[in-house]
Amino acid sequence: MGNRAVITIKDDYLNKEDWPSIYLHWNGGLDTVKPMLDVAKEYEIRCESHYGTARLAQLFANYFGGTLSIGVGPYKNQDLDNYDNGVYIIDNNWEIVEREYNRNPEQQHHDYNEMVESIKKINDPIFKEEKSNWRGLNIRNLVTERPQVTKS
């Protein structure tokens, strides 16, 4: 039981079976997935298979809270034919380009604008704060600006 889905970012440099993927046990309907992808795009998260998968998982995890309901792993190890929402295949611009194993009508229980607002309410403090804190820094700044530790 659940509202399962798998989300994977298409990667032309990997075999499909190795694409990093996210498993959602809950909120796998298009009415949650599409707003989440649009927020990722708005936050200018780089949509590359490994990095994008990690950050998208973070968006979902922040939104859901707790410690359950999300998994990350290779495409081949996911519950692809899950009898709920199947698989969303995403391109490098956070757009759904293909669906697999989706046999049911698209779920439209949640209002798109309300979903975007609720996702951003939880994630803005994290993603907007992170962006402002790291803007203009590079690894050399981090190393040279680190406080000196002295032994007493």
C-alpha atoms as a PDB file:
ATOM      1  CA  MET A   1       0.000   0.000   0.000  1.00  0.00           C
ATOM      2  CA  GLY A   2       1.209   3.489  -0.783  1.00  0.00           C
ATOM      3  CA  ASN A   3       1.297   5.982  -3.620  1.00  0.00           C
ATOM      4  CA  ARG A   4       4.591   4.813  -5.037  1.00  0.00           C
ATOM      5  CA  ALA A   5       6.731   6.141  -7.858  1.00  0.00           C
ATOM      6  CA  VAL A   6      10.292   6.077  -9.101  1.00  0.00           C
ATOM      7  CA  ILE A   7      11.949   9.210 -10.460  1.00  0.00           C
ATOM      8  CA  THR A   8      15.094   8.922 -12.544  1.00  0.00           C
ATOM      9  CA  ILE A   9      17.152  11.444 -14.500  1.00  0.00           C
ATOM     10  CA  LYS A  10      18.080  10.289 -17.979  1.00  0.00           C
ATOM     11  CA  ASP A  11      21.865  10.020 -18.370  1.00  0.00           C
ATOM     12  CA  ASP A  12      23.248   9.324 -21.844  1.00  0.00           C
ATOM     13  CA  TYR A  13      26.612   8.319 -20.340  1.00  0.00           C
ATOM     14  CA  LEU A  14      25.261   5.499 -18.188  1.00  0.00           C
ATOM     15  CA  ASN A  15      23.352   2.323 -18.947  1.00  0.00           C
ATOM     16  CA  LYS A  16      19.719   2.868 -18.026  1.00  0.00           C
ATOM     17  CA  GLU A  17      19.898   0.163 -15.367  1.00  0.00           C
ATOM     18  CA  ASP A  18      22.533   2.262 -13.562  1.00  0.00           C
ATOM     19  CA  TRP A  19      20.700   5.608 -13.618  1.00  0.00           C
ATOM     20  CA  PRO A  20      20.494   7.014 -10.072  1.00  0.00           C
ATOM     21  CA  SER A  21      16.836   6.920  -9.048  1.00  0.00           C
ATOM     22  CA  ILE A  22      14.565   7.974  -6.218  1.00  0.00           C
ATOM     23  CA  TYR A  23      11.865   5.716  -4.814  1.00  0.00           C
ATOM     24  CA  LEU A  24       8.863   7.445  -3.249  1.00  0.00           C
ATOM     25  CA  HIS A  25       6.538   5.371  -1.117  1.00  0.00           C
ATOM     26  CA  TRP A  26       4.074   8.258  -0.697  1.00  0.00           C
ATOM     27  CA  ASN A  27       3.108  11.271  -2.836  1.00  0.00           C
ATOM     28  CA  GLY A  28       4.232   9.684  -6.099  1.00  0.00           C
ATOM     29  CA  GLY A  29       1.410  11.182  -8.136  1.00  0.00           C
ATOM     30  CA  LEU A  30       1.962  13.738 -10.875  1.00  0.00           C
ATOM     31  CA  ASP A  31       0.264  16.337  -8.663  1.00  0.00           C
ATOM     32  CA  THR A  32       3.236  16.165  -6.258  1.00  0.00           C
ATOM     33  CA  VAL A  33       6.078  15.179  -8.593  1.00  0.00           C
ATOM     34  CA  LYS A  34       5.540  17.969 -11.168  1.00  0.00           C
ATOM     35  CA  PRO A  35       5.471  20.800  -8.583  1.00  0.00           C
ATOM     36  CA  MET A  36       8.592  19.348  -6.939  1.00  0.00           C
ATOM     37  CA  LEU A  37      10.439  19.285 -10.282  1.00  0.00           C
ATOM     38  CA  ASP A  38       9.378  22.862 -10.979  1.00  0.00           C
ATOM     39  CA  VAL A  39      10.678  24.004  -7.578  1.00  0.00           C
ATOM     40  CA  ALA A  40      13.994  22.237  -8.294  1.00  0.00           C
ATOM     41  CA  LYS A  41      14.180  24.168 -11.555  1.00  0.00           C
ATOM     42  CA  GLU A  42      13.308  27.441  -9.797  1.00  0.00           C
ATOM     43  CA  TYR A  43      16.087  26.819  -7.248  1.00  0.00           C
ATOM     44  CA  GLU A  44      18.454  26.326 -10.208  1.00  0.00           C
ATOM     45  CA  ILE A  45      19.507  22.915  -8.977  1.00  0.00           C
ATOM     46  CA  ARG A  46      21.829  21.335 -11.520  1.00  0.00           C
ATOM     47  CA  CYS A  47      19.914  18.510 -13.157  1.00  0.00           C
ATOM     48  CA  GLU A  48      22.670  15.977 -13.694  1.00  0.00           C
ATOM     49  CA  SER A  49      21.967  12.378 -12.823  1.00  0.00           C
ATOM     50  CA  HIS A  50      23.940  11.963  -9.588  1.00  0.00           C
ATOM     51  CA  TYR A  51      23.884  15.514  -8.240  1.00  0.00           C
ATOM     52  CA  GLY A  52      20.328  16.203  -9.363  1.00  0.00           C
ATOM     53  CA  THR A  53      19.071  12.941  -7.881  1.00  0.00           C
ATOM     54  CA  ALA A  54      20.644  13.774  -4.521  1.00  0.00           C
ATOM     55  CA  ARG A  55      19.211  17.282  -4.406  1.00  0.00           C
ATOM     56  CA  LEU A  56      15.773  16.187  -5.580  1.00  0.00           C
ATOM     57  CA  ALA A  57      15.780  13.529  -2.848  1.00  0.00           C
ATOM     58  CA  GLN A  58      16.674  16.300  -0.401  1.00  0.00           C
ATOM     59  CA  LEU A  59      13.706  18.399  -1.566  1.00  0.00           C
ATOM     60  CA  PHE A  60      11.346  15.450  -1.054  1.00  0.00           C
ATOM     61  CA  ALA A  61      12.892  14.483   2.295  1.00  0.00           C
ATOM     62  CA  ASN A  62      12.678  18.035   3.610  1.00  0.00           C
ATOM     63  CA  TYR A  63       9.050  18.179   2.501  1.00  0.00           C
ATOM     64  CA  PHE A  64       8.046  14.804   3.992  1.00  0.00           C
ATOM     65  CA  GLY A  65      10.109  15.059   7.164  1.00  0.00           C
ATOM     66  CA  GLY A  66      10.815  11.992   9.255  1.00  0.00           C
ATOM     67  CA  THR A  67      13.081   9.141   8.263  1.00  0.00           C
ATOM     68  CA  LEU A  68      10.938   6.972   5.990  1.00  0.00           C
ATOM     69  CA  SER A  69       9.278   6.932   2.571  1.00  0.00           C
ATOM     70  CA  ILE A  70      12.267   7.756   0.311  1.00  0.00           C
ATOM     71  CA  GLY A  71      14.982   5.571  -1.144  1.00  0.00           C
ATOM     72  CA  VAL A  72      17.853   6.238  -3.544  1.00  0.00           C
ATOM     73  CA  GLY A  73      19.612   3.665  -5.683  1.00  0.00           C
ATOM     74  CA  PRO A  74      20.197   2.441  -9.211  1.00  0.00           C
ATOM     75  CA  TYR A  75      17.232   2.136 -11.564  1.00  0.00           C
ATOM     76  CA  LYS A  76      17.613  -1.649 -11.732  1.00  0.00           C
ATOM     77  CA  ASN A  77      17.047  -1.986  -7.961  1.00  0.00           C
ATOM     78  CA  GLN A  78      13.863   0.094  -7.770  1.00  0.00           C
ATOM     79  CA  ASP A  79      10.228  -1.013  -7.540  1.00  0.00           C
ATOM     80  CA  LEU A  80       9.577   0.055 -11.144  1.00  0.00           C
ATOM     81  CA  ASP A  81       6.321  -1.793 -11.782  1.00  0.00           C
ATOM     82  CA  ASN A  82       4.789  -0.658  -8.499  1.00  0.00           C
ATOM     83  CA  TYR A  83       1.097  -0.658  -9.532  1.00  0.00           C
ATOM     84  CA  ASP A  84       0.768   2.999  -8.531  1.00  0.00           C
ATOM     85  CA  ASN A  85       2.519   5.714 -10.546  1.00  0.00           C
ATOM     86  CA  GLY A  86       5.342   3.785 -12.186  1.00  0.00           C
ATOM     87  CA  VAL A  87       8.458   5.616 -13.339  1.00  0.00           C
ATOM     88  CA  TYR A  88       9.047   9.254 -14.253  1.00  0.00           C
ATOM     89  CA  ILE A  89      12.031   9.760 -16.554  1.00  0.00           C
ATOM     90  CA  ILE A  90      13.364  13.306 -16.321  1.00  0.00           C
ATOM     91  CA  ASP A  91      15.555  15.201 -18.796  1.00  0.00           C
ATOM     92  CA  ASN A  92      18.371  17.606 -17.883  1.00  0.00           C
ATOM     93  CA  ASN A  93      15.900  20.495 -17.496  1.00  0.00           C
ATOM     94  CA  TRP A  94      13.640  18.918 -14.850  1.00  0.00           C
ATOM     95  CA  GLU A  95      10.981  17.993 -17.424  1.00  0.00           C
ATOM     96  CA  ILE A  96       9.179  14.643 -17.510  1.00  0.00           C
ATOM     97  CA  VAL A  97      10.047  13.138 -20.901  1.00  0.00           C
ATOM     98  CA  GLU A  98       8.793   9.599 -20.475  1.00  0.00           C
ATOM     99  CA  ARG A  99       6.653   7.426 -18.215  1.00  0.00           C
ATOM    100  CA  GLU A 100       6.901   3.698 -17.633  1.00  0.00           C
ATOM    101  CA  TYR A 101       4.554   1.290 -15.854  1.00  0.00           C
ATOM    102  CA  ASN A 102       1.887   3.952 -15.327  1.00  0.00           C
ATOM    103  CA  ARG A 103      -1.398   2.146 -15.864  1.00  0.00           C
ATOM    104  CA  ASN A 104      -3.672   4.451 -13.892  1.00  0.00           C
ATOM    105  CA  PRO A 105      -5.151   7.869 -14.606  1.00  0.00           C
ATOM    106  CA  GLU A 106      -2.893  10.698 -13.458  1.00  0.00           C
ATOM    107  CA  GLN A 107      -3.513  11.710  -9.874  1.00  0.00           C
ATOM    108  CA  GLN A 108      -4.787  15.282  -9.541  1.00  0.00           C
ATOM    109  CA  HIS A 109      -5.815  15.523  -5.872  1.00  0.00           C
ATOM    110  CA  HIS A 110      -3.443  18.373  -4.940  1.00  0.00           C
ATOM    111  CA  ASP A 111      -3.689  21.893  -6.319  1.00  0.00           C
ATOM    112  CA  TYR A 112      -0.504  22.738  -8.257  1.00  0.00           C
ATOM    113  CA  ASN A 113      -0.024  26.255  -6.809  1.00  0.00           C
ATOM    114  CA  GLU A 114      -0.713  25.117  -3.250  1.00  0.00           C
ATOM    115  CA  MET A 115       1.821  22.301  -3.655  1.00  0.00           C
ATOM    116  CA  VAL A 116       4.507  24.681  -4.970  1.00  0.00           C
ATOM    117  CA  GLU A 117       3.819  27.060  -2.086  1.00  0.00           C
ATOM    118  CA  SER A 118       4.001  24.319   0.551  1.00  0.00           C
ATOM    119  CA  ILE A 119       7.178  22.804  -0.949  1.00  0.00           C
ATOM    120  CA  LYS A 120       8.864  26.206  -1.021  1.00  0.00           C
ATOM    121  CA  LYS A 121       7.721  27.103   2.502  1.00  0.00           C
ATOM    122  CA  ILE A 122       9.705  24.154   3.806  1.00  0.00           C
ATOM    123  CA  ASN A 123      12.650  24.274   1.387  1.00  0.00           C
ATOM    124  CA  ASP A 124      13.228  28.036   0.933  1.00  0.00           C
ATOM    125  CA  PRO A 125      15.062  28.463   4.241  1.00  0.00           C
ATOM    126  CA  ILE A 126      17.415  25.638   3.260  1.00  0.00           C
ATOM    127  CA  PHE A 127      17.985  26.243  -0.435  1.00  0.00           C
ATOM    128  CA  LYS A 128      17.871  30.040  -0.424  1.00  0.00           C
ATOM    129  CA  GLU A 129      20.105  30.257   2.653  1.00  0.00           C
ATOM    130  CA  GLU A 130      22.568  27.800   1.120  1.00  0.00           C
ATOM    131  CA  LYS A 131      22.744  29.786  -2.099  1.00  0.00           C
ATOM    132  CA  SER A 132      23.375  33.105  -0.344  1.00  0.00           C
ATOM    133  CA  ASN A 133      25.996  31.633   2.012  1.00  0.00           C
ATOM    134  CA  TRP A 134      28.048  30.045  -0.751  1.00  0.00           C
ATOM    135  CA  ARG A 135      27.751  32.676  -3.493  1.00  0.00           C
ATOM    136  CA  GLY A 136      31.194  33.918  -4.484  1.00  0.00           C
ATOM    137  CA  LEU A 137      33.130  31.374  -2.434  1.00  0.00           C
ATOM    138  CA  ASN A 138      35.451  28.798  -3.876  1.00  0.00           C
ATOM    139  CA  ILE A 139      37.503  26.031  -2.344  1.00  0.00           C
ATOM    140  CA  ARG A 140      40.554  28.290  -1.916  1.00  0.00           C
ATOM    141  CA  ASN A 141      38.447  30.769   0.138  1.00  0.00           C
ATOM    142  CA  LEU A 142      37.214  27.939   2.330  1.00  0.00           C
ATOM    143  CA  VAL A 143      40.707  26.682   3.040  1.00  0.00           C
ATOM    144  CA  THR A 144      42.319  30.083   3.641  1.00  0.00           C
ATOM    145  CA  GLU A 145      39.440  31.539   5.662  1.00  0.00           C
ATOM    146  CA  ARG A 146      39.204  28.621   8.068  1.00  0.00           C
ATOM    147  CA  PRO A 147      39.799  29.734  11.681  1.00  0.00           C
ATOM    148  CA  GLN A 148      43.116  28.768  13.219  1.00  0.00           C
ATOM    149  CA  VAL A 149      42.936  26.290  16.057  1.00  0.00           C
ATOM    150  CA  THR A 150      45.505  26.685  18.820  1.00  0.00           C
ATOM    151  CA  LYS A 151      46.290  24.287  21.590  1.00  0.00           C
ATOM    152  CA  SER A 152      46.193  25.617  25.123  1.00  0.00           C
END
